[in-house]
C-alpha atoms as a PDB file:
ATOM      1  CA  UNK A   1     -43.797 -36.441  54.415  1.00  0.00           C
ATOM      2  CA  UNK A   2     -40.742 -34.284  53.790  1.00  0.00           C
ATOM      3  CA  UNK A   3     -37.608 -36.261  52.878  1.00  0.00           C
ATOM      4  CA  UNK A   4     -33.976 -35.470  52.248  1.00  0.00           C
ATOM      5  CA  UNK A   5     -31.598 -37.040  49.738  1.00  0.00           C
ATOM      6  CA  UNK A   6     -30.814 -40.703  50.647  1.00  0.00           C
ATOM      7  CA  UNK A   7     -27.114 -39.838  50.385  1.00  0.00           C
ATOM      8  CA  UNK A   8     -27.582 -37.302  53.179  1.00  0.00           C
ATOM      9  CA  UNK A   9     -29.262 -39.919  55.361  1.00  0.00           C
ATOM     10  CA  UNK A  10     -26.327 -42.251  54.735  1.00  0.00           C
ATOM     11  CA  UNK A  11     -23.861 -39.465  55.503  1.00  0.00           C
ATOM     12  CA  UNK A  12     -25.499 -38.846  58.893  1.00  0.00           C
ATOM     13  CA  UNK A  13     -24.669 -42.424  59.892  1.00  0.00           C
ATOM     14  CA  UNK A  14     -20.957 -41.648  59.514  1.00  0.00           C
ATOM     15  CA  UNK A  15     -21.074 -39.322  62.534  1.00  0.00           C
ATOM     16  CA  UNK A  16     -21.791 -39.963  66.208  1.00  0.00           C
ATOM     17  CA  UNK A  17     -24.809 -38.400  67.859  1.00  0.00           C
ATOM     18  CA  UNK A  18     -22.835 -35.845  69.961  1.00  0.00           C
ATOM     19  CA  UNK A  19     -21.148 -34.543  66.803  1.00  0.00           C
ATOM     20  CA  UNK A  20     -24.505 -34.254  65.059  1.00  0.00           C
ATOM     21  CA  UNK A  21     -25.913 -32.461  68.091  1.00  0.00           C
ATOM     22  CA  UNK A  22     -22.948 -30.058  68.119  1.00  0.00           C
ATOM     23  CA  UNK A  23     -23.482 -29.355  64.430  1.00  0.00           C
ATOM     24  CA  UNK A  24     -27.184 -28.723  64.968  1.00  0.00           C
ATOM     25  CA  UNK A  25     -26.393 -26.413  67.887  1.00  0.00           C
ATOM     26  CA  UNK A  26     -23.985 -24.473  65.658  1.00  0.00           C
ATOM     27  CA  UNK A  27     -26.790 -24.018  63.124  1.00  0.00           C
ATOM     28  CA  UNK A  28     -29.781 -23.345  65.371  1.00  0.00           C
ATOM     29  CA  UNK A  29     -28.149 -22.190  68.614  1.00  0.00           C
ATOM     30  CA  UNK A  30     -28.580 -23.162  72.262  1.00  0.00           C
ATOM     31  CA  UNK A  31     -30.520 -24.188  74.249  1.00  0.00           C
ATOM     32  CA  UNK A  32     -31.277 -27.179  72.054  1.00  0.00           C
ATOM     33  CA  UNK A  33     -33.057 -30.313  73.263  1.00  0.00           C
ATOM     34  CA  UNK A  34     -33.343 -32.310  70.046  1.00  0.00           C
ATOM     35  CA  UNK A  35     -32.198 -35.485  71.819  1.00  0.00           C
ATOM     36  CA  UNK A  36     -33.441 -38.206  74.155  1.00  0.00           C
ATOM     37  CA  UNK A  37     -32.569 -38.297  77.827  1.00  0.00           C
ATOM     38  CA  UNK A  38     -30.537 -40.844  79.818  1.00  0.00           C
ATOM     39  CA  UNK A  39     -33.396 -43.338  80.060  1.00  0.00           C
ATOM     40  CA  UNK A  40     -33.081 -44.270  76.370  1.00  0.00           C
ATOM     41  CA  UNK A  41     -30.112 -46.646  76.486  1.00  0.00           C
ATOM     42  CA  UNK A  42     -28.410 -48.534  73.687  1.00  0.00           C
ATOM     43  CA  UNK A  43     -29.050 -52.185  74.615  1.00  0.00           C
ATOM     44  CA  UNK A  44     -27.111 -53.827  71.757  1.00  0.00           C
ATOM     45  CA  UNK A  45     -24.098 -51.579  71.044  1.00  0.00           C
ATOM     46  CA  UNK A  46     -22.425 -54.208  68.860  1.00  0.00           C
ATOM     47  CA  UNK A  47     -25.161 -53.724  66.238  1.00  0.00           C
ATOM     48  CA  UNK A  48     -24.092 -50.145  65.579  1.00  0.00           C
ATOM     49  CA  UNK A  49     -26.125 -46.991  64.932  1.00  0.00           C
ATOM     50  CA  UNK A  50     -29.466 -46.550  63.200  1.00  0.00           C
ATOM     51  CA  UNK A  51     -30.673 -43.703  60.988  1.00  0.00           C
ATOM     52  CA  UNK A  52     -34.121 -43.311  59.510  1.00  0.00           C
ATOM     53  CA  UNK A  53     -37.512 -41.672  59.546  1.00  0.00           C
ATOM     54  CA  UNK A  54     -39.679 -42.222  62.596  1.00  0.00           C
ATOM     55  CA  UNK A  55     -42.591 -44.643  62.449  1.00  0.00           C
ATOM     56  CA  UNK A  56     -44.528 -44.262  65.696  1.00  0.00           C
ATOM     57  CA  UNK A  57     -46.905 -46.297  67.850  1.00  0.00           C
ATOM     58  CA  UNK A  58     -48.377 -46.325  71.348  1.00  0.00           C
ATOM     59  CA  UNK A  59     -48.735 -49.678  73.102  1.00  0.00           C
ATOM     60  CA  UNK A  60     -49.809 -51.092  76.451  1.00  0.00           C
ATOM     61  CA  UNK A  61     -47.917 -54.063  77.776  1.00  0.00           C
ATOM     62  CA  UNK A  62     -50.065 -55.284  80.679  1.00  0.00           C
ATOM     63  CA  UNK A  63     -53.395 -53.436  80.966  1.00  0.00           C
ATOM     64  CA  UNK A  64     -56.043 -55.979  79.912  1.00  0.00           C
ATOM     65  CA  UNK A  65     -58.764 -53.316  79.598  1.00  0.00           C
ATOM     66  CA  UNK A  66     -56.818 -51.002  77.279  1.00  0.00           C
ATOM     67  CA  UNK A  67     -58.250 -50.420  73.811  1.00  0.00           C
ATOM     68  CA  UNK A  68     -56.562 -52.269  71.003  1.00  0.00           C
ATOM     69  CA  UNK A  69     -56.366 -52.045  67.241  1.00  0.00           C
ATOM     70  CA  UNK A  70     -55.028 -54.773  64.934  1.00  0.00           C
ATOM     71  CA  UNK A  71     -51.240 -55.089  64.868  1.00  0.00           C
ATOM     72  CA  UNK A  72     -51.554 -55.626  61.123  1.00  0.00           C
ATOM     73  CA  UNK A  73     -52.459 -51.918  60.822  1.00  0.00           C
ATOM     74  CA  UNK A  74     -48.985 -51.102  62.106  1.00  0.00           C
ATOM     75  CA  UNK A  75     -47.168 -53.725  60.044  1.00  0.00           C
ATOM     76  CA  UNK A  76     -48.989 -52.686  56.858  1.00  0.00           C
ATOM     77  CA  UNK A  77     -47.669 -49.168  57.488  1.00  0.00           C
ATOM     78  CA  UNK A  78     -44.122 -50.485  57.771  1.00  0.00           C
ATOM     79  CA  UNK A  79     -44.511 -52.551  54.621  1.00  0.00           C
ATOM     80  CA  UNK A  80     -45.778 -49.548  52.646  1.00  0.00           C
ATOM     81  CA  UNK A  81     -43.069 -47.172  53.898  1.00  0.00           C
ATOM     82  CA  UNK A  82     -40.512 -46.084  51.331  1.00  0.00           C
ATOM     83  CA  UNK A  83     -37.149 -45.382  52.905  1.00  0.00           C
ATOM     84  CA  UNK A  84     -35.142 -46.164  56.036  1.00  0.00           C
ATOM     85  CA  UNK A  85     -37.254 -46.423  59.198  1.00  0.00           C
ATOM     86  CA  UNK A  86     -36.650 -46.149  62.912  1.00  0.00           C
ATOM     87  CA  UNK A  87     -39.660 -47.339  64.870  1.00  0.00           C
ATOM     88  CA  UNK A  88     -40.515 -45.466  68.070  1.00  0.00           C
ATOM     89  CA  UNK A  89     -42.756 -47.328  70.522  1.00  0.00           C
ATOM     90  CA  UNK A  90     -44.171 -45.590  73.594  1.00  0.00           C
ATOM     91  CA  UNK A  91     -45.466 -47.757  76.414  1.00  0.00           C
ATOM     92  CA  UNK A  92     -48.607 -45.953  77.665  1.00  0.00           C
ATOM     93  CA  UNK A  93     -49.534 -48.720  80.119  1.00  0.00           C
ATOM     94  CA  UNK A  94     -50.556 -47.806  83.679  1.00  0.00           C
ATOM     95  CA  UNK A  95     -47.190 -49.355  84.641  1.00  0.00           C
ATOM     96  CA  UNK A  96     -44.949 -48.485  81.695  1.00  0.00           C
ATOM     97  CA  UNK A  97     -41.919 -50.729  81.393  1.00  0.00           C
ATOM     98  CA  UNK A  98     -43.371 -53.531  83.533  1.00  0.00           C
ATOM     99  CA  UNK A  99     -43.727 -55.668  80.417  1.00  0.00           C
ATOM    100  CA  UNK A 100     -41.567 -55.641  77.296  1.00  0.00           C
ATOM    101  CA  UNK A 101     -42.600 -53.722  74.176  1.00  0.00           C
ATOM    102  CA  UNK A 102     -40.361 -55.681  71.805  1.00  0.00           C
ATOM    103  CA  UNK A 103     -38.736 -59.113  71.668  1.00  0.00           C
ATOM    104  CA  UNK A 104     -37.088 -61.403  69.167  1.00  0.00           C
ATOM    105  CA  UNK A 105     -40.266 -62.201  67.213  1.00  0.00           C
ATOM    106  CA  UNK A 106     -41.049 -58.515  66.663  1.00  0.00           C
ATOM    107  CA  UNK A 107     -37.388 -57.862  65.877  1.00  0.00           C
ATOM    108  CA  UNK A 108     -37.426 -60.487  63.135  1.00  0.00           C
ATOM    109  CA  UNK A 109     -40.559 -58.989  61.606  1.00  0.00           C
ATOM    110  CA  UNK A 110     -39.275 -55.420  61.865  1.00  0.00           C
ATOM    111  CA  UNK A 111     -36.044 -56.373  60.116  1.00  0.00           C
ATOM    112  CA  UNK A 112     -38.008 -58.211  57.412  1.00  0.00           C
ATOM    113  CA  UNK A 113     -40.028 -55.035  56.809  1.00  0.00           C
ATOM    114  CA  UNK A 114     -36.949 -52.818  56.545  1.00  0.00           C
ATOM    115  CA  UNK A 115     -36.702 -51.184  59.975  1.00  0.00           C
ATOM    116  CA  UNK A 116     -33.185 -49.970  60.841  1.00  0.00           C
ATOM    117  CA  UNK A 117     -33.666 -49.709  64.595  1.00  0.00           C
ATOM    118  CA  UNK A 118     -36.196 -49.480  67.434  1.00  0.00           C
ATOM    119  CA  UNK A 119     -36.450 -46.793  70.108  1.00  0.00           C
ATOM    120  CA  UNK A 120     -38.646 -47.884  73.004  1.00  0.00           C
ATOM    121  CA  UNK A 121     -40.036 -45.669  75.732  1.00  0.00           C
ATOM    122  CA  UNK A 122     -40.296 -48.767  77.869  1.00  0.00           C
ATOM    123  CA  UNK A 123     -38.478 -52.096  77.992  1.00  0.00           C
ATOM    124  CA  UNK A 124     -37.376 -54.939  75.718  1.00  0.00           C
ATOM    125  CA  UNK A 125     -36.763 -58.664  76.174  1.00  0.00           C
ATOM    126  CA  UNK A 126     -35.089 -61.584  74.340  1.00  0.00           C
ATOM    127  CA  UNK A 127     -31.940 -59.535  73.765  1.00  0.00           C
ATOM    128  CA  UNK A 128     -29.867 -62.474  72.441  1.00  0.00           C
ATOM    129  CA  UNK A 129     -32.628 -63.216  69.938  1.00  0.00           C
ATOM    130  CA  UNK A 130     -32.948 -59.577  68.930  1.00  0.00           C
ATOM    131  CA  UNK A 131     -29.174 -59.514  68.399  1.00  0.00           C
ATOM    132  CA  UNK A 132     -29.449 -62.599  66.201  1.00  0.00           C
ATOM    133  CA  UNK A 133     -31.895 -60.796  63.918  1.00  0.00           C
ATOM    134  CA  UNK A 134     -29.685 -57.683  63.867  1.00  0.00           C
ATOM    135  CA  UNK A 135     -32.133 -55.012  65.055  1.00  0.00           C
ATOM    136  CA  UNK A 136     -30.491 -52.286  67.165  1.00  0.00           C
ATOM    137  CA  UNK A 137     -32.693 -51.391  70.151  1.00  0.00           C
ATOM    138  CA  UNK A 138     -32.731 -48.410  72.494  1.00  0.00           C
ATOM    139  CA  UNK A 139     -34.884 -48.697  75.628  1.00  0.00           C
ATOM    140  CA  UNK A 140     -34.970 -48.250  79.391  1.00  0.00           C
ATOM    141  CA  UNK A 141     -33.639 -51.759  79.894  1.00  0.00           C
ATOM    142  CA  UNK A 142     -34.802 -55.370  79.679  1.00  0.00           C
ATOM    143  CA  UNK A 143     -37.336 -57.571  81.477  1.00  0.00           C
ATOM    144  CA  UNK A 144     -38.180 -61.269  80.969  1.00  0.00           C
ATOM    145  CA  UNK A 145     -41.908 -60.983  80.255  1.00  0.00           C
ATOM    146  CA  UNK A 146     -44.929 -59.178  78.888  1.00  0.00           C
ATOM    147  CA  UNK A 147     -48.640 -59.259  79.558  1.00  0.00           C
ATOM    148  CA  UNK A 148     -51.652 -58.353  77.418  1.00  0.00           C
ATOM    149  CA  UNK A 149     -49.897 -56.549  74.592  1.00  0.00           C
ATOM    150  CA  UNK A 150     -52.190 -54.078  72.843  1.00  0.00           C
ATOM    151  CA  UNK A 151     -51.469 -51.661  70.014  1.00  0.00           C
ATOM    152  CA  UNK A 152     -53.321 -48.496  71.025  1.00  0.00           C
ATOM    153  CA  UNK A 153     -52.417 -46.147  68.179  1.00  0.00           C
ATOM    154  CA  UNK A 154     -50.019 -45.990  65.250  1.00  0.00           C
ATOM    155  CA  UNK A 155     -48.799 -42.801  63.622  1.00  0.00           C
ATOM    156  CA  UNK A 156     -48.850 -39.343  65.149  1.00  0.00           C
ATOM    157  CA  UNK A 157     -46.805 -38.087  68.077  1.00  0.00           C
ATOM    158  CA  UNK A 158     -45.125 -40.101  70.830  1.00  0.00           C
ATOM    159  CA  UNK A 159     -42.684 -39.279  73.607  1.00  0.00           C
ATOM    160  CA  UNK A 160     -39.418 -41.144  74.142  1.00  0.00           C
ATOM    161  CA  UNK A 161     -36.878 -40.040  76.700  1.00  0.00           C
ATOM    162  CA  UNK A 162     -38.462 -36.564  77.051  1.00  0.00           C
ATOM    163  CA  UNK A 163     -38.261 -36.016  73.291  1.00  0.00           C
ATOM    164  CA  UNK A 164     -41.610 -35.497  71.563  1.00  0.00           C
ATOM    165  CA  UNK A 165     -41.310 -37.315  68.244  1.00  0.00           C
ATOM    166  CA  UNK A 166     -43.571 -36.933  65.219  1.00  0.00           C
ATOM    167  CA  UNK A 167     -44.042 -39.629  62.623  1.00  0.00           C
ATOM    168  CA  UNK A 168     -41.599 -38.830  59.814  1.00  0.00           C
ATOM    169  CA  UNK A 169     -38.956 -37.143  61.986  1.00  0.00           C
ATOM    170  CA  UNK A 170     -35.389 -37.924  60.922  1.00  0.00           C
ATOM    171  CA  UNK A 171     -33.589 -39.719  63.771  1.00  0.00           C
ATOM    172  CA  UNK A 172     -30.069 -40.985  64.396  1.00  0.00           C
ATOM    173  CA  UNK A 173     -29.293 -43.209  67.386  1.00  0.00           C
ATOM    174  CA  UNK A 174     -26.042 -44.674  68.708  1.00  0.00           C
ATOM    175  CA  UNK A 175     -24.256 -45.377  72.003  1.00  0.00           C
ATOM    176  CA  UNK A 176     -25.188 -41.992  73.484  1.00  0.00           C
ATOM    177  CA  UNK A 177     -28.879 -42.098  72.579  1.00  0.00           C
ATOM    178  CA  UNK A 178     -30.964 -40.511  69.858  1.00  0.00           C
ATOM    179  CA  UNK A 179     -30.788 -37.102  68.204  1.00  0.00           C
ATOM    180  CA  UNK A 180     -33.414 -35.617  65.900  1.00  0.00           C
ATOM    181  CA  UNK A 181     -32.231 -33.821  62.756  1.00  0.00           C
ATOM    182  CA  UNK A 182     -34.763 -31.424  61.219  1.00  0.00           C
ATOM    183  CA  UNK A 183     -35.097 -32.571  57.613  1.00  0.00           C
ATOM    184  CA  UNK A 184     -34.738 -29.034  56.303  1.00  0.00           C
ATOM    185  CA  UNK A 185     -31.348 -28.750  58.032  1.00  0.00           C
ATOM    186  CA  UNK A 186     -30.044 -32.250  57.294  1.00  0.00           C
ATOM    187  CA  UNK A 187     -27.683 -31.344  54.456  1.00  0.00           C
ATOM    188  CA  UNK A 188     -26.213 -28.429  56.407  1.00  0.00           C
ATOM    189  CA  UNK A 189     -25.877 -30.611  59.510  1.00  0.00           C
ATOM    190  CA  UNK A 190     -23.749 -33.081  57.529  1.00  0.00           C
ATOM    191  CA  UNK A 191     -21.504 -30.256  56.301  1.00  0.00           C
ATOM    192  CA  UNK A 192     -21.115 -28.634  59.718  1.00  0.00           C
ATOM    193  CA  UNK A 193     -20.632 -32.014  61.422  1.00  0.00           C
ATOM    194  CA  UNK A 194     -17.588 -32.568  59.212  1.00  0.00           C
ATOM    195  CA  UNK A 195     -16.223 -29.200  60.277  1.00  0.00           C
ATOM    196  CA  UNK A 196     -16.929 -29.979  63.946  1.00  0.00           C
ATOM    197  CA  UNK A 197     -15.125 -33.310  63.695  1.00  0.00           C
ATOM    198  CA  UNK A 198     -12.091 -31.686  62.094  1.00  0.00           C
ATOM    199  CA  UNK A 199     -12.032 -28.904  64.692  1.00  0.00           C
ATOM    200  CA  UNK A 200     -12.311 -31.367  67.591  1.00  0.00           C
ATOM    201  CA  UNK A 201      -9.535 -33.523  66.132  1.00  0.00           C
ATOM    202  CA  UNK A 202      -7.289 -30.457  66.186  1.00  0.00           C
ATOM    203  CA  UNK A 203      -8.192 -29.734  69.806  1.00  0.00           C
ATOM    204  CA  UNK A 204      -7.434 -33.290  70.911  1.00  0.00           C
ATOM    205  CA  UNK A 205      -4.165 -33.256  69.002  1.00  0.00           C
ATOM    206  CA  UNK A 206      -3.178 -30.081  70.859  1.00  0.00           C
ATOM    207  CA  UNK A 207      -4.115 -31.593  74.233  1.00  0.00           C
ATOM    208  CA  UNK A 208      -1.770 -34.523  73.605  1.00  0.00           C
ATOM    209  CA  UNK A 209       1.066 -32.482  72.082  1.00  0.00           C
ATOM    210  CA  UNK A 210       4.241 -31.409  73.917  1.00  0.00           C
ATOM    211  CA  UNK A 211       3.220 -27.789  73.262  1.00  0.00           C
ATOM    212  CA  UNK A 212       0.209 -27.991  75.555  1.00  0.00           C
ATOM    213  CA  UNK A 213      -0.002 -25.617  78.506  1.00  0.00           C
ATOM    214  CA  UNK A 214      -3.038 -23.934  80.021  1.00  0.00           C
ATOM    215  CA  UNK A 215      -1.504 -20.578  79.067  1.00  0.00           C
ATOM    216  CA  UNK A 216      -1.261 -21.701  75.428  1.00  0.00           C
ATOM    217  CA  UNK A 217      -4.835 -22.977  75.596  1.00  0.00           C
ATOM    218  CA  UNK A 218      -6.014 -19.562  76.868  1.00  0.00           C
ATOM    219  CA  UNK A 219      -4.117 -17.865  74.061  1.00  0.00           C
ATOM    220  CA  UNK A 220      -5.737 -20.061  71.427  1.00  0.00           C
ATOM    221  CA  UNK A 221      -9.184 -19.441  72.835  1.00  0.00           C
ATOM    222  CA  UNK A 222      -8.300 -15.791  73.036  1.00  0.00           C
END
């Protein structure tokens, strides 16, 4: 799996996801859809952002006849992973989201194994307990229960919020959702994100200054 310098990963966490998206768009151009859609919501905003490499799995939450593999296969993969992780769980049940994909017990184990955050194409439960264990979660929302909870596959590709995610993708998630940063561009994204933040600060300062007029704005965009 291709990695970037850990300092670069840490630097990404100092920016918000829209700024990182803007930087990536500056580098690779538009259209650019390296982000999740509105269904992937930050459920515990007080826990802050998460940055890491994607560890992926498909699960079913209620279908009793779905195939299942041992959950220890998945947890052994987390334990062996070297580096920051963001787990991405896709509910492939016949009624995705009807039962929760993650709760406080899984949150405790994920934190123990070094996971920085969980992105769920489906739902979560036990949000106060998840908060207690400090695992940021992004999902469609919350429900009280789950049914027959089977791990169908771990590793490979999953879809979350219309973003097709490969195991090992570099992800950053915050209040606005999740953005994927191509590893090869990560260092440049950090540099350009700093420039974007400085440029936007100047724009906002102008908007609030006594010199602001639409005519002056047109001149500056000129």
